[in-house]
Amino acid sequence: MQPAKTLDTHSLQDRIRARLEQDILGGALSPGMAIDEKALALSFNTSRTPVREALLLLSARGLVDIVPRTGIYVRQLRANELVAMMEALGELEGVLARLAALRIGPALRDELLRALAGTAAQAQADDAEAYQQANAALHDVIYRASGNPFIVEQAQTVRLRISAYRGRMFEKPGRLAASQREHERVVEWILKGHADNAAEAMRDHISVGGKVFADLVLNNKFG
């Protein structure tokens, strides 16, 4: 058994990492922003050791850049990296939708329909910020219905890495309504148990979003 002090250190490191991930996901830490290691240590009432360990983990996941003798920054992705990640996300989520169509149970079927109603309400209200949250909730139901935590982890990692950029997609006129129609097709095929159609619909959904995303990137509408 490990000493209690070691376990406490690991627990603190995980809390710091989770806090930074949430700040990146929520936009409190934007791409290129410096991370103050000393301030983090003070906010968690700890030494810099667990902070550094958490930052090293985030660096390994591609979320932060540690520049010797310069500082620590939220990773700023290049346009080609962003587009490549959207392509990867489409393939990963296509697999998850396919598995969800094969494995979804009664409880998650009901939850999926409620999540779809949630995105519909926010699309109707034309509320991009609320739609983004409802969109994440709907995809989370599909993730859980897939029954494959390994692929889910890969998809979540990609989503986290591009989260600071993706929210702008929903600001394009007409995108919320289009995204909702795409969701309806994905959910329809999942509930009917048509695995290949569900996968194709999800890939199309992410692909269309990726085209919007690429347009924003190429037109320098980030930052």
C-alpha atoms as a PDB file:
ATOM      1  CA  MET A   1       0.000   0.000   0.000  1.00  0.00           C
ATOM      2  CA  GLN A   2       1.243   3.476  -0.894  1.00  0.00           C
ATOM      3  CA  PRO A   3       1.846   6.006   1.871  1.00  0.00           C
ATOM      4  CA  ALA A   4      -1.096   8.341   2.515  1.00  0.00           C
ATOM      5  CA  LYS A   5       1.018  11.367   1.652  1.00  0.00           C
ATOM      6  CA  THR A   6       1.715   9.991  -1.840  1.00  0.00           C
ATOM      7  CA  LEU A   7      -1.970   9.277  -2.406  1.00  0.00           C
ATOM      8  CA  ASP A   8      -2.871  12.793  -1.252  1.00  0.00           C
ATOM      9  CA  THR A   9      -0.314  14.277  -3.665  1.00  0.00           C
ATOM     10  CA  HIS A  10      -1.755  12.296  -6.578  1.00  0.00           C
ATOM     11  CA  SER A  11      -5.290  13.347  -5.625  1.00  0.00           C
ATOM     12  CA  LEU A  12      -4.242  17.007  -5.534  1.00  0.00           C
ATOM     13  CA  GLN A  13      -2.464  16.659  -8.852  1.00  0.00           C
ATOM     14  CA  ASP A  14      -5.656  15.242 -10.367  1.00  0.00           C
ATOM     15  CA  ARG A  15      -7.730  18.111  -8.976  1.00  0.00           C
ATOM     16  CA  ILE A  16      -5.333  20.687 -10.425  1.00  0.00           C
ATOM     17  CA  ARG A  17      -5.335  18.940 -13.798  1.00  0.00           C
ATOM     18  CA  ALA A  18      -9.142  18.721 -13.802  1.00  0.00           C
ATOM     19  CA  ARG A  19      -9.448  22.412 -12.897  1.00  0.00           C
ATOM     20  CA  LEU A  20      -7.136  23.439 -15.752  1.00  0.00           C
ATOM     21  CA  GLU A  21      -8.956  21.185 -18.210  1.00  0.00           C
ATOM     22  CA  GLN A  22     -12.281  22.734 -17.192  1.00  0.00           C
ATOM     23  CA  ASP A  23     -10.858  26.245 -17.562  1.00  0.00           C
ATOM     24  CA  ILE A  24      -9.611  25.381 -21.061  1.00  0.00           C
ATOM     25  CA  LEU A  25     -12.925  23.745 -21.987  1.00  0.00           C
ATOM     26  CA  GLY A  26     -14.938  26.655 -20.634  1.00  0.00           C
ATOM     27  CA  GLY A  27     -12.783  29.321 -22.248  1.00  0.00           C
ATOM     28  CA  ALA A  28     -11.389  30.834 -19.034  1.00  0.00           C
ATOM     29  CA  LEU A  29      -7.981  29.837 -20.383  1.00  0.00           C
ATOM     30  CA  SER A  30      -7.791  30.669 -24.080  1.00  0.00           C
ATOM     31  CA  PRO A  31      -5.168  29.498 -26.623  1.00  0.00           C
ATOM     32  CA  GLY A  32      -1.825  31.237 -26.105  1.00  0.00           C
ATOM     33  CA  MET A  33      -2.660  32.410 -22.584  1.00  0.00           C
ATOM     34  CA  ALA A  34       0.090  32.095 -19.984  1.00  0.00           C
ATOM     35  CA  ILE A  35      -0.497  29.833 -16.980  1.00  0.00           C
ATOM     36  CA  ASP A  36       0.838  31.191 -13.674  1.00  0.00           C
ATOM     37  CA  GLU A  37       2.350  28.209 -11.866  1.00  0.00           C
ATOM     38  CA  LYS A  38       2.894  30.152  -8.636  1.00  0.00           C
ATOM     39  CA  ALA A  39      -0.679  31.474  -8.576  1.00  0.00           C
ATOM     40  CA  LEU A  40      -2.024  27.963  -9.111  1.00  0.00           C
ATOM     41  CA  ALA A  41       0.032  26.649  -6.205  1.00  0.00           C
ATOM     42  CA  LEU A  42      -1.310  29.433  -3.986  1.00  0.00           C
ATOM     43  CA  SER A  43      -4.918  28.839  -5.035  1.00  0.00           C
ATOM     44  CA  PHE A  44      -4.616  25.158  -4.071  1.00  0.00           C
ATOM     45  CA  ASN A  45      -2.569  25.971  -0.961  1.00  0.00           C
ATOM     46  CA  THR A  46       0.206  23.644  -2.042  1.00  0.00           C
ATOM     47  CA  SER A  47       3.789  23.545  -3.244  1.00  0.00           C
ATOM     48  CA  ARG A  48       4.653  23.774  -6.923  1.00  0.00           C
ATOM     49  CA  THR A  49       5.370  20.032  -7.188  1.00  0.00           C
ATOM     50  CA  PRO A  50       1.776  18.795  -7.794  1.00  0.00           C
ATOM     51  CA  VAL A  51       1.182  21.825 -10.048  1.00  0.00           C
ATOM     52  CA  ARG A  52       4.175  20.902 -12.186  1.00  0.00           C
ATOM     53  CA  GLU A  53       3.080  17.265 -12.326  1.00  0.00           C
ATOM     54  CA  ALA A  54      -0.394  18.304 -13.466  1.00  0.00           C
ATOM     55  CA  LEU A  55       1.083  20.608 -16.111  1.00  0.00           C
ATOM     56  CA  LEU A  56       3.360  17.842 -17.368  1.00  0.00           C
ATOM     57  CA  LEU A  57       0.315  15.594 -17.831  1.00  0.00           C
ATOM     58  CA  LEU A  58      -1.491  18.332 -19.733  1.00  0.00           C
ATOM     59  CA  SER A  59       1.581  18.897 -21.863  1.00  0.00           C
ATOM     60  CA  ALA A  60       1.678  15.189 -22.715  1.00  0.00           C
ATOM     61  CA  ARG A  61      -1.958  15.435 -23.811  1.00  0.00           C
ATOM     62  CA  GLY A  62      -1.175  18.398 -26.053  1.00  0.00           C
ATOM     63  CA  LEU A  63      -3.142  20.934 -24.037  1.00  0.00           C
ATOM     64  CA  VAL A  64      -0.286  23.146 -22.838  1.00  0.00           C
ATOM     65  CA  ASP A  65       3.189  24.096 -24.053  1.00  0.00           C
ATOM     66  CA  ILE A  66       6.021  24.251 -21.546  1.00  0.00           C
ATOM     67  CA  VAL A  67       8.702  26.576 -22.930  1.00  0.00           C
ATOM     68  CA  PRO A  68      11.977  26.451 -20.950  1.00  0.00           C
ATOM     69  CA  ARG A  69      13.007  29.803 -19.424  1.00  0.00           C
ATOM     70  CA  THR A  70       9.943  31.421 -20.988  1.00  0.00           C
ATOM     71  CA  GLY A  71       6.759  30.101 -19.435  1.00  0.00           C
ATOM     72  CA  ILE A  72       3.790  27.766 -19.677  1.00  0.00           C
ATOM     73  CA  TYR A  73       1.018  28.484 -22.176  1.00  0.00           C
ATOM     74  CA  VAL A  74      -2.273  27.031 -23.315  1.00  0.00           C
ATOM     75  CA  ARG A  75      -1.474  25.280 -26.574  1.00  0.00           C
ATOM     76  CA  GLN A  76      -2.278  27.354 -29.650  1.00  0.00           C
ATOM     77  CA  LEU A  77      -3.027  25.030 -32.545  1.00  0.00           C
ATOM     78  CA  ARG A  78      -2.165  25.680 -36.164  1.00  0.00           C
ATOM     79  CA  ALA A  79      -4.939  25.693 -38.767  1.00  0.00           C
ATOM     80  CA  ASN A  80      -3.850  22.362 -40.292  1.00  0.00           C
ATOM     81  CA  GLU A  81      -3.826  20.746 -36.827  1.00  0.00           C
ATOM     82  CA  LEU A  82      -7.350  21.971 -36.110  1.00  0.00           C
ATOM     83  CA  VAL A  83      -8.745  20.663 -39.380  1.00  0.00           C
ATOM     84  CA  ALA A  84      -6.972  17.309 -38.914  1.00  0.00           C
ATOM     85  CA  MET A  85      -8.468  16.971 -35.441  1.00  0.00           C
ATOM     86  CA  MET A  86     -11.955  17.616 -36.782  1.00  0.00           C
ATOM     87  CA  GLU A  87     -11.421  14.816 -39.301  1.00  0.00           C
ATOM     88  CA  ALA A  88     -10.289  12.492 -36.509  1.00  0.00           C
ATOM     89  CA  LEU A  89     -13.272  13.457 -34.377  1.00  0.00           C
ATOM     90  CA  GLY A  90     -15.650  12.613 -37.210  1.00  0.00           C
ATOM     91  CA  GLU A  91     -14.252   9.101 -37.490  1.00  0.00           C
ATOM     92  CA  LEU A  92     -14.228   8.505 -33.728  1.00  0.00           C
ATOM     93  CA  GLU A  93     -17.767   9.756 -33.242  1.00  0.00           C
ATOM     94  CA  GLY A  94     -18.960   7.761 -36.229  1.00  0.00           C
ATOM     95  CA  VAL A  95     -17.747   4.584 -34.518  1.00  0.00           C
ATOM     96  CA  LEU A  96     -19.396   5.625 -31.243  1.00  0.00           C
ATOM     97  CA  ALA A  97     -22.722   6.285 -32.983  1.00  0.00           C
ATOM     98  CA  ARG A  98     -22.514   2.909 -34.673  1.00  0.00           C
ATOM     99  CA  LEU A  99     -21.910   1.147 -31.354  1.00  0.00           C
ATOM    100  CA  ALA A 100     -24.671   3.144 -29.682  1.00  0.00           C
ATOM    101  CA  ALA A 101     -27.149   1.934 -32.324  1.00  0.00           C
ATOM    102  CA  LEU A 102     -26.201  -1.649 -31.480  1.00  0.00           C
ATOM    103  CA  ARG A 103     -26.084  -1.314 -27.698  1.00  0.00           C
ATOM    104  CA  ILE A 104     -28.374   1.453 -26.441  1.00  0.00           C
ATOM    105  CA  GLY A 105     -30.770   0.355 -23.707  1.00  0.00           C
ATOM    106  CA  PRO A 106     -34.216   1.648 -22.675  1.00  0.00           C
ATOM    107  CA  ALA A 107     -32.976   4.156 -20.069  1.00  0.00           C
ATOM    108  CA  LEU A 108     -30.463   5.754 -22.416  1.00  0.00           C
ATOM    109  CA  ARG A 109     -32.992   5.780 -25.263  1.00  0.00           C
ATOM    110  CA  ASP A 110     -35.207   8.007 -23.114  1.00  0.00           C
ATOM    111  CA  GLU A 111     -32.241  10.143 -22.088  1.00  0.00           C
ATOM    112  CA  LEU A 112     -31.173  10.531 -25.710  1.00  0.00           C
ATOM    113  CA  LEU A 113     -34.638  11.793 -26.672  1.00  0.00           C
ATOM    114  CA  ARG A 114     -34.572  14.280 -23.784  1.00  0.00           C
ATOM    115  CA  ALA A 115     -31.129  15.476 -24.867  1.00  0.00           C
ATOM    116  CA  LEU A 116     -32.399  15.926 -28.437  1.00  0.00           C
ATOM    117  CA  ALA A 117     -35.302  17.982 -27.123  1.00  0.00           C
ATOM    118  CA  GLY A 118     -32.757  20.088 -25.245  1.00  0.00           C
ATOM    119  CA  THR A 119     -30.759  20.900 -28.367  1.00  0.00           C
ATOM    120  CA  ALA A 120     -34.005  21.598 -30.255  1.00  0.00           C
ATOM    121  CA  ALA A 121     -35.084  24.151 -27.649  1.00  0.00           C
ATOM    122  CA  GLN A 122     -31.770  26.002 -27.778  1.00  0.00           C
ATOM    123  CA  ALA A 123     -31.669  25.930 -31.581  1.00  0.00           C
ATOM    124  CA  GLN A 124     -35.182  27.382 -31.639  1.00  0.00           C
ATOM    125  CA  ALA A 125     -34.065  30.093 -29.198  1.00  0.00           C
ATOM    126  CA  ASP A 126     -30.987  30.736 -31.368  1.00  0.00           C
ATOM    127  CA  ASP A 127     -28.837  30.673 -28.215  1.00  0.00           C
ATOM    128  CA  ALA A 128     -25.370  29.594 -29.363  1.00  0.00           C
ATOM    129  CA  GLU A 129     -23.847  29.321 -25.892  1.00  0.00           C
ATOM    130  CA  ALA A 130     -26.701  27.257 -24.464  1.00  0.00           C
ATOM    131  CA  TYR A 131     -26.793  25.145 -27.634  1.00  0.00           C
ATOM    132  CA  GLN A 132     -23.123  24.317 -27.207  1.00  0.00           C
ATOM    133  CA  GLN A 133     -23.842  22.968 -23.724  1.00  0.00           C
ATOM    134  CA  ALA A 134     -26.904  21.019 -24.893  1.00  0.00           C
ATOM    135  CA  ASN A 135     -24.876  19.661 -27.816  1.00  0.00           C
ATOM    136  CA  ALA A 136     -22.221  18.350 -25.424  1.00  0.00           C
ATOM    137  CA  ALA A 137     -24.922  16.674 -23.321  1.00  0.00           C
ATOM    138  CA  LEU A 138     -26.396  14.911 -26.364  1.00  0.00           C
ATOM    139  CA  HIS A 139     -23.038  13.615 -27.524  1.00  0.00           C
ATOM    140  CA  ASP A 140     -22.314  12.450 -23.971  1.00  0.00           C
ATOM    141  CA  VAL A 141     -25.417  10.227 -24.042  1.00  0.00           C
ATOM    142  CA  ILE A 142     -24.214   8.678 -27.301  1.00  0.00           C
ATOM    143  CA  TYR A 143     -20.774   8.149 -25.750  1.00  0.00           C
ATOM    144  CA  ARG A 144     -22.276   6.279 -22.811  1.00  0.00           C
ATOM    145  CA  ALA A 145     -24.604   4.278 -25.030  1.00  0.00           C
ATOM    146  CA  SER A 146     -21.625   3.068 -27.083  1.00  0.00           C
ATOM    147  CA  GLY A 147     -20.299   1.020 -24.179  1.00  0.00           C
ATOM    148  CA  ASN A 148     -16.706   1.608 -25.275  1.00  0.00           C
ATOM    149  CA  PRO A 149     -14.853   3.812 -22.767  1.00  0.00           C
ATOM    150  CA  PHE A 150     -11.565   3.569 -24.681  1.00  0.00           C
ATOM    151  CA  ILE A 151     -12.934   5.196 -27.855  1.00  0.00           C
ATOM    152  CA  VAL A 152     -14.891   7.658 -25.716  1.00  0.00           C
ATOM    153  CA  GLU A 153     -11.655   8.758 -24.053  1.00  0.00           C
ATOM    154  CA  GLN A 154     -10.043   9.377 -27.446  1.00  0.00           C
ATOM    155  CA  ALA A 155     -13.020  11.429 -28.653  1.00  0.00           C
ATOM    156  CA  GLN A 156     -13.142  13.438 -25.422  1.00  0.00           C
ATOM    157  CA  THR A 157      -9.430  14.210 -25.695  1.00  0.00           C
ATOM    158  CA  VAL A 158      -9.866  15.559 -29.233  1.00  0.00           C
ATOM    159  CA  ARG A 159     -12.913  17.583 -28.178  1.00  0.00           C
ATOM    160  CA  LEU A 160     -10.999  19.058 -25.265  1.00  0.00           C
ATOM    161  CA  ARG A 161      -8.055  20.041 -27.459  1.00  0.00           C
ATOM    162  CA  ILE A 162     -10.259  21.930 -29.921  1.00  0.00           C
ATOM    163  CA  SER A 163     -12.903  23.157 -27.465  1.00  0.00           C
ATOM    164  CA  ALA A 164     -11.567  26.715 -27.347  1.00  0.00           C
ATOM    165  CA  TYR A 165     -12.108  26.990 -31.092  1.00  0.00           C
ATOM    166  CA  ARG A 166     -15.300  24.996 -31.752  1.00  0.00           C
ATOM    167  CA  GLY A 167     -17.735  27.300 -29.967  1.00  0.00           C
ATOM    168  CA  ARG A 168     -17.345  29.905 -32.700  1.00  0.00           C
ATOM    169  CA  MET A 169     -18.858  27.495 -35.225  1.00  0.00           C
ATOM    170  CA  PHE A 170     -22.295  27.897 -33.694  1.00  0.00           C
ATOM    171  CA  GLU A 171     -22.183  31.663 -34.227  1.00  0.00           C
ATOM    172  CA  LYS A 172     -22.481  31.269 -38.004  1.00  0.00           C
ATOM    173  CA  PRO A 173     -26.028  32.213 -39.149  1.00  0.00           C
ATOM    174  CA  GLY A 174     -28.190  29.129 -39.670  1.00  0.00           C
ATOM    175  CA  ARG A 175     -25.690  26.719 -38.123  1.00  0.00           C
ATOM    176  CA  LEU A 176     -27.792  25.909 -35.044  1.00  0.00           C
ATOM    177  CA  ALA A 177     -30.817  24.874 -37.112  1.00  0.00           C
ATOM    178  CA  ALA A 178     -28.645  22.831 -39.481  1.00  0.00           C
ATOM    179  CA  SER A 179     -26.842  21.140 -36.596  1.00  0.00           C
ATOM    180  CA  GLN A 180     -30.181  20.243 -35.019  1.00  0.00           C
ATOM    181  CA  ARG A 181     -31.400  18.612 -38.236  1.00  0.00           C
ATOM    182  CA  GLU A 182     -28.176  16.595 -38.331  1.00  0.00           C
ATOM    183  CA  HIS A 183     -28.717  15.531 -34.712  1.00  0.00           C
ATOM    184  CA  GLU A 184     -32.236  14.368 -35.538  1.00  0.00           C
ATOM    185  CA  ARG A 185     -30.920  12.078 -38.276  1.00  0.00           C
ATOM    186  CA  VAL A 186     -28.227  10.644 -36.006  1.00  0.00           C
ATOM    187  CA  VAL A 187     -30.698   9.977 -33.196  1.00  0.00           C
ATOM    188  CA  GLU A 188     -33.271   8.484 -35.578  1.00  0.00           C
ATOM    189  CA  TRP A 189     -30.811   5.893 -36.881  1.00  0.00           C
ATOM    190  CA  ILE A 190     -29.486   5.078 -33.411  1.00  0.00           C
ATOM    191  CA  LEU A 191     -32.989   4.468 -32.049  1.00  0.00           C
ATOM    192  CA  LYS A 192     -33.875   2.341 -35.074  1.00  0.00           C
ATOM    193  CA  GLY A 193     -30.750   0.257 -34.502  1.00  0.00           C
ATOM    194  CA  HIS A 194     -29.338   0.989 -37.957  1.00  0.00           C
ATOM    195  CA  ALA A 195     -25.653   1.012 -37.067  1.00  0.00           C
ATOM    196  CA  ASP A 196     -24.117   1.857 -40.437  1.00  0.00           C
ATOM    197  CA  ASN A 197     -26.606   4.647 -41.095  1.00  0.00           C
ATOM    198  CA  ALA A 198     -26.009   6.079 -37.621  1.00  0.00           C
ATOM    199  CA  ALA A 199     -22.264   6.098 -38.224  1.00  0.00           C
ATOM    200  CA  GLU A 200     -22.643   7.780 -41.604  1.00  0.00           C
ATOM    201  CA  ALA A 201     -25.030  10.401 -40.214  1.00  0.00           C
ATOM    202  CA  MET A 202     -22.636  11.200 -37.379  1.00  0.00           C
ATOM    203  CA  ARG A 203     -19.635  11.459 -39.719  1.00  0.00           C
ATOM    204  CA  ASP A 204     -21.670  13.774 -41.958  1.00  0.00           C
ATOM    205  CA  HIS A 205     -22.654  15.861 -38.922  1.00  0.00           C
ATOM    206  CA  ILE A 206     -19.054  16.307 -37.792  1.00  0.00           C
ATOM    207  CA  SER A 207     -17.892  16.802 -41.395  1.00  0.00           C
ATOM    208  CA  VAL A 208     -20.347  19.639 -42.014  1.00  0.00           C
ATOM    209  CA  GLY A 209     -19.288  21.243 -38.758  1.00  0.00           C
ATOM    210  CA  GLY A 210     -15.705  20.746 -39.845  1.00  0.00           C
ATOM    211  CA  LYS A 211     -16.302  22.638 -43.092  1.00  0.00           C
ATOM    212  CA  VAL A 212     -17.758  25.550 -41.120  1.00  0.00           C
ATOM    213  CA  PHE A 213     -14.800  25.266 -38.783  1.00  0.00           C
ATOM    214  CA  ALA A 214     -12.286  25.287 -41.635  1.00  0.00           C
ATOM    215  CA  ASP A 215     -13.916  28.381 -43.138  1.00  0.00           C
ATOM    216  CA  LEU A 216     -13.558  30.196 -39.822  1.00  0.00           C
ATOM    217  CA  VAL A 217      -9.932  29.117 -39.491  1.00  0.00           C
ATOM    218  CA  LEU A 218      -8.991  30.103 -43.016  1.00  0.00           C
ATOM    219  CA  ASN A 219     -10.713  33.460 -42.640  1.00  0.00           C
ATOM    220  CA  ASN A 220      -8.808  34.119 -39.391  1.00  0.00           C
ATOM    221  CA  LYS A 221     -11.953  34.477 -37.293  1.00  0.00           C
ATOM    222  CA  PHE A 222     -10.352  33.071 -34.156  1.00  0.00           C
ATOM    223  CA  GLY A 223      -8.669  34.984 -31.400  1.00  0.00           C
END
